Amino acid sequence: MTSLQVRELPENIYLKLQEEAKKENRSLAQQAVAVLAKGLDLEVNPKKRREELLKMLREAPIIDQDSDIPDPVQLIREDRER
């Protein structure tokens, strides 16, 4: 993950960020990321992201066993016989 250093941050912003971080039980860095993401209309909610991923997996087509995908057992056998 990349990092960001902010120079000459006004004290009132720092104190407000620190106060909000304490309310949300986050570190100062985590709160800064959350505030930046919210300000940029980016979603960083891990629970929501997880739900979306599970939904995508549920809706994904199931791989047909009769397709051209090789049988892993057969591949392992061939590899051991080398």
N, C-alpha and C. Protein backbone atom coordinates (compact mmCIF):
# COMPACT_ATOMS: atom_id res chain seq x y z
N MET A 1 0.83 -1.17 0.00
CA MET A 1 0.00 0.00 0.00
C MET A 1 0.89 1.24 0.00
N THR A 2 0.44 2.26 -0.66
CA THR A 2 1.22 3.49 -0.71
C THR A 2 1.00 4.30 0.55
N SER A 3 1.86 5.29 0.75
CA SER A 3 1.72 6.14 1.93
C SER A 3 1.63 7.60 1.50
N LEU A 4 1.17 8.43 2.40
CA LEU A 4 0.98 9.85 2.13
C LEU A 4 1.41 10.62 3.36
N GLN A 5 2.21 11.64 3.15
CA GLN A 5 2.62 12.49 4.26
C GLN A 5 2.05 13.88 4.01
N VAL A 6 1.41 14.45 5.01
CA VAL A 6 0.81 15.78 4.87
C VAL A 6 1.63 16.75 5.70
N ARG A 7 2.11 17.78 5.06
CA ARG A 7 2.89 18.80 5.76
C ARG A 7 2.00 20.01 6.04
N GLU A 8 2.29 20.68 7.11
CA GLU A 8 1.60 21.91 7.50
C GLU A 8 0.09 21.72 7.60
N LEU A 9 -0.32 20.63 8.22
CA LEU A 9 -1.74 20.36 8.46
C LEU A 9 -2.22 21.30 9.56
N PRO A 10 -3.27 22.07 9.31
CA PRO A 10 -3.78 22.96 10.35
C PRO A 10 -4.18 22.17 11.60
N GLU A 11 -3.87 22.74 12.75
CA GLU A 11 -4.10 22.04 14.01
C GLU A 11 -5.57 21.70 14.23
N ASN A 12 -6.47 22.59 13.81
CA ASN A 12 -7.90 22.32 14.01
C ASN A 12 -8.35 21.09 13.21
N ILE A 13 -7.78 20.89 12.03
CA ILE A 13 -8.11 19.69 11.24
C ILE A 13 -7.56 18.45 11.93
N TYR A 14 -6.32 18.54 12.40
CA TYR A 14 -5.70 17.42 13.09
C TYR A 14 -6.51 17.02 14.33
N LEU A 15 -6.90 18.01 15.12
CA LEU A 15 -7.66 17.73 16.34
C LEU A 15 -9.02 17.12 16.04
N LYS A 16 -9.69 17.63 15.01
CA LYS A 16 -10.99 17.09 14.62
C LYS A 16 -10.84 15.65 14.12
N LEU A 17 -9.82 15.41 13.32
CA LEU A 17 -9.55 14.07 12.81
C LEU A 17 -9.26 13.11 13.97
N GLN A 18 -8.49 13.58 14.92
CA GLN A 18 -8.16 12.77 16.10
C GLN A 18 -9.41 12.46 16.92
N GLU A 19 -10.27 13.46 17.08
CA GLU A 19 -11.52 13.29 17.83
C GLU A 19 -12.43 12.27 17.15
N GLU A 20 -12.58 12.39 15.84
CA GLU A 20 -13.42 11.46 15.08
C GLU A 20 -12.85 10.05 15.10
N ALA A 21 -11.53 9.94 15.03
CA ALA A 21 -10.88 8.62 15.08
C ALA A 21 -11.19 7.94 16.42
N LYS A 22 -11.14 8.70 17.48
CA LYS A 22 -11.42 8.14 18.81
C LYS A 22 -12.87 7.67 18.89
N LYS A 23 -13.80 8.45 18.34
CA LYS A 23 -15.23 8.08 18.35
C LYS A 23 -15.47 6.79 17.57
N GLU A 24 -14.75 6.62 16.48
CA GLU A 24 -14.94 5.47 15.59
C GLU A 24 -14.05 4.28 15.96
N ASN A 25 -13.28 4.43 17.03
CA ASN A 25 -12.32 3.38 17.45
C ASN A 25 -11.36 3.03 16.32
N ARG A 26 -10.83 4.06 15.69
CA ARG A 26 -9.85 3.89 14.61
C ARG A 26 -8.56 4.59 14.98
N SER A 27 -7.51 4.20 14.30
CA SER A 27 -6.26 4.94 14.44
C SER A 27 -6.41 6.23 13.64
N LEU A 28 -5.51 7.15 13.87
CA LEU A 28 -5.53 8.41 13.13
C LEU A 28 -5.38 8.16 11.63
N ALA A 29 -4.49 7.24 11.28
CA ALA A 29 -4.27 6.92 9.87
C ALA A 29 -5.52 6.30 9.24
N GLN A 30 -6.17 5.38 9.96
CA GLN A 30 -7.39 4.76 9.44
C GLN A 30 -8.49 5.80 9.25
N GLN A 31 -8.60 6.72 10.19
CA GLN A 31 -9.63 7.76 10.08
C GLN A 31 -9.33 8.68 8.90
N ALA A 32 -8.06 9.01 8.70
CA ALA A 32 -7.69 9.87 7.58
C ALA A 32 -8.06 9.20 6.26
N VAL A 33 -7.81 7.91 6.14
CA VAL A 33 -8.17 7.17 4.92
C VAL A 33 -9.68 7.17 4.74
N ALA A 34 -10.43 6.93 5.81
CA ALA A 34 -11.89 6.90 5.73
C ALA A 34 -12.45 8.26 5.31
N VAL A 35 -11.92 9.33 5.87
CA VAL A 35 -12.39 10.67 5.53
C VAL A 35 -12.05 11.02 4.08
N LEU A 36 -10.84 10.68 3.66
CA LEU A 36 -10.45 10.93 2.27
C LEU A 36 -11.32 10.14 1.30
N ALA A 37 -11.55 8.88 1.60
CA ALA A 37 -12.38 8.04 0.73
C ALA A 37 -13.80 8.58 0.64
N LYS A 38 -14.34 8.98 1.77
CA LYS A 38 -15.70 9.53 1.78
C LYS A 38 -15.75 10.82 0.97
N GLY A 39 -14.76 11.66 1.14
CA GLY A 39 -14.70 12.92 0.40
C GLY A 39 -14.54 12.73 -1.09
N LEU A 40 -13.94 11.62 -1.48
CA LEU A 40 -13.73 11.32 -2.90
C LEU A 40 -14.79 10.38 -3.45
N ASP A 41 -15.84 10.14 -2.67
CA ASP A 41 -16.93 9.24 -3.05
C ASP A 41 -16.45 7.84 -3.39
N LEU A 42 -15.51 7.34 -2.60
CA LEU A 42 -15.01 5.97 -2.75
C LEU A 42 -15.53 5.13 -1.60
N GLU A 43 -15.85 3.89 -1.88
CA GLU A 43 -16.38 2.99 -0.85
C GLU A 43 -15.23 2.20 -0.24
N VAL A 44 -15.06 2.27 1.06
CA VAL A 44 -14.01 1.51 1.73
C VAL A 44 -14.58 0.62 2.83
N ASN A 45 -15.88 0.46 2.85
CA ASN A 45 -16.52 -0.37 3.86
C ASN A 45 -16.23 -1.84 3.56
N PRO A 46 -15.39 -2.51 4.36
CA PRO A 46 -15.03 -3.90 4.06
C PRO A 46 -16.22 -4.85 4.09
N LYS A 47 -17.18 -4.61 4.96
CA LYS A 47 -18.35 -5.49 5.04
C LYS A 47 -19.16 -5.40 3.75
N LYS A 48 -19.37 -4.19 3.27
CA LYS A 48 -20.13 -4.01 2.03
C LYS A 48 -19.37 -4.62 0.84
N ARG A 49 -18.05 -4.41 0.82
CA ARG A 49 -17.23 -4.98 -0.25
C ARG A 49 -17.31 -6.50 -0.25
N ARG A 50 -17.28 -7.10 0.95
CA ARG A 50 -17.38 -8.55 1.09
C ARG A 50 -18.73 -9.05 0.58
N GLU A 51 -19.80 -8.34 0.95
CA GLU A 51 -21.14 -8.73 0.50
C GLU A 51 -21.26 -8.67 -1.02
N GLU A 52 -20.68 -7.63 -1.63
CA GLU A 52 -20.72 -7.50 -3.09
C GLU A 52 -19.95 -8.63 -3.76
N LEU A 53 -18.81 -9.00 -3.18
CA LEU A 53 -18.01 -10.09 -3.74
C LEU A 53 -18.76 -11.41 -3.64
N LEU A 54 -19.39 -11.67 -2.49
CA LEU A 54 -20.17 -12.90 -2.34
C LEU A 54 -21.33 -12.94 -3.31
N LYS A 55 -21.97 -11.82 -3.52
CA LYS A 55 -23.08 -11.74 -4.47
C LYS A 55 -22.59 -12.06 -5.88
N MET A 56 -21.43 -11.49 -6.24
CA MET A 56 -20.86 -11.74 -7.56
C MET A 56 -20.53 -13.22 -7.73
N LEU A 57 -19.97 -13.84 -6.68
CA LEU A 57 -19.63 -15.26 -6.76
C LEU A 57 -20.87 -16.15 -6.88
N ARG A 58 -21.93 -15.76 -6.17
CA ARG A 58 -23.17 -16.54 -6.25
C ARG A 58 -23.79 -16.46 -7.65
N GLU A 59 -23.66 -15.31 -8.28
CA GLU A 59 -24.26 -15.11 -9.60
C GLU A 59 -23.37 -15.59 -10.74
N ALA A 60 -22.12 -15.89 -10.44
CA ALA A 60 -21.18 -16.33 -11.48
C ALA A 60 -21.60 -17.69 -12.01
N PRO A 61 -21.39 -17.91 -13.30
CA PRO A 61 -21.76 -19.22 -13.85
C PRO A 61 -20.88 -20.32 -13.26
N ILE A 62 -21.51 -21.45 -13.02
CA ILE A 62 -20.79 -22.61 -12.48
C ILE A 62 -20.05 -23.29 -13.63
N ILE A 63 -18.81 -23.66 -13.38
CA ILE A 63 -18.02 -24.32 -14.42
C ILE A 63 -18.57 -25.72 -14.64
N ASP A 64 -18.83 -26.03 -15.87
CA ASP A 64 -19.35 -27.34 -16.24
C ASP A 64 -18.23 -28.37 -16.12
N GLN A 65 -18.49 -29.45 -15.40
CA GLN A 65 -17.48 -30.48 -15.19
C GLN A 65 -17.12 -31.20 -16.49
N ASP A 66 -17.98 -31.15 -17.49
CA ASP A 66 -17.71 -31.82 -18.75
C ASP A 66 -16.91 -30.94 -19.71
N SER A 67 -16.50 -29.78 -19.26
CA SER A 67 -15.77 -28.88 -20.14
C SER A 67 -14.33 -29.37 -20.31
N ASP A 68 -13.51 -28.57 -20.92
CA ASP A 68 -12.14 -28.96 -21.24
C ASP A 68 -11.17 -28.80 -20.07
N ILE A 69 -11.67 -28.60 -18.89
CA ILE A 69 -10.80 -28.46 -17.73
C ILE A 69 -10.27 -29.84 -17.36
N PRO A 70 -8.93 -29.98 -17.30
CA PRO A 70 -8.36 -31.29 -17.00
C PRO A 70 -8.66 -31.72 -15.56
N ASP A 71 -8.74 -33.02 -15.37
CA ASP A 71 -8.98 -33.59 -14.05
C ASP A 71 -7.71 -33.44 -13.21
N PRO A 72 -7.79 -32.79 -12.05
CA PRO A 72 -6.59 -32.59 -11.24
C PRO A 72 -5.95 -33.90 -10.78
N VAL A 73 -6.74 -34.91 -10.54
CA VAL A 73 -6.20 -36.20 -10.11
C VAL A 73 -5.31 -36.77 -11.22
N GLN A 74 -5.80 -36.70 -12.43
CA GLN A 74 -5.04 -37.20 -13.58
C GLN A 74 -3.75 -36.39 -13.76
N LEU A 75 -3.82 -35.09 -13.59
CA LEU A 75 -2.62 -34.25 -13.74
C LEU A 75 -1.57 -34.61 -12.69
N ILE A 76 -2.01 -34.84 -11.46
CA ILE A 76 -1.07 -35.20 -10.39
C ILE A 76 -0.44 -36.56 -10.68
N ARG A 77 -1.25 -37.51 -11.15
CA ARG A 77 -0.73 -38.84 -11.50
C ARG A 77 0.34 -38.74 -12.58
N GLU A 78 0.04 -37.98 -13.62
CA GLU A 78 1.00 -37.81 -14.71
C GLU A 78 2.28 -37.17 -14.21
N ASP A 79 2.14 -36.19 -13.33
CA ASP A 79 3.31 -35.50 -12.80
C ASP A 79 4.17 -36.45 -11.96
N ARG A 80 3.55 -37.31 -11.18
CA ARG A 80 4.29 -38.26 -10.34
C ARG A 80 4.98 -39.34 -11.16
N GLU A 81 4.43 -39.65 -12.31
CA GLU A 81 5.00 -40.71 -13.15
C GLU A 81 6.19 -40.22 -13.96
N ARG A 82 6.48 -38.96 -13.93
CA ARG A 82 7.62 -38.43 -14.70
C ARG A 82 8.92 -38.84 -14.11
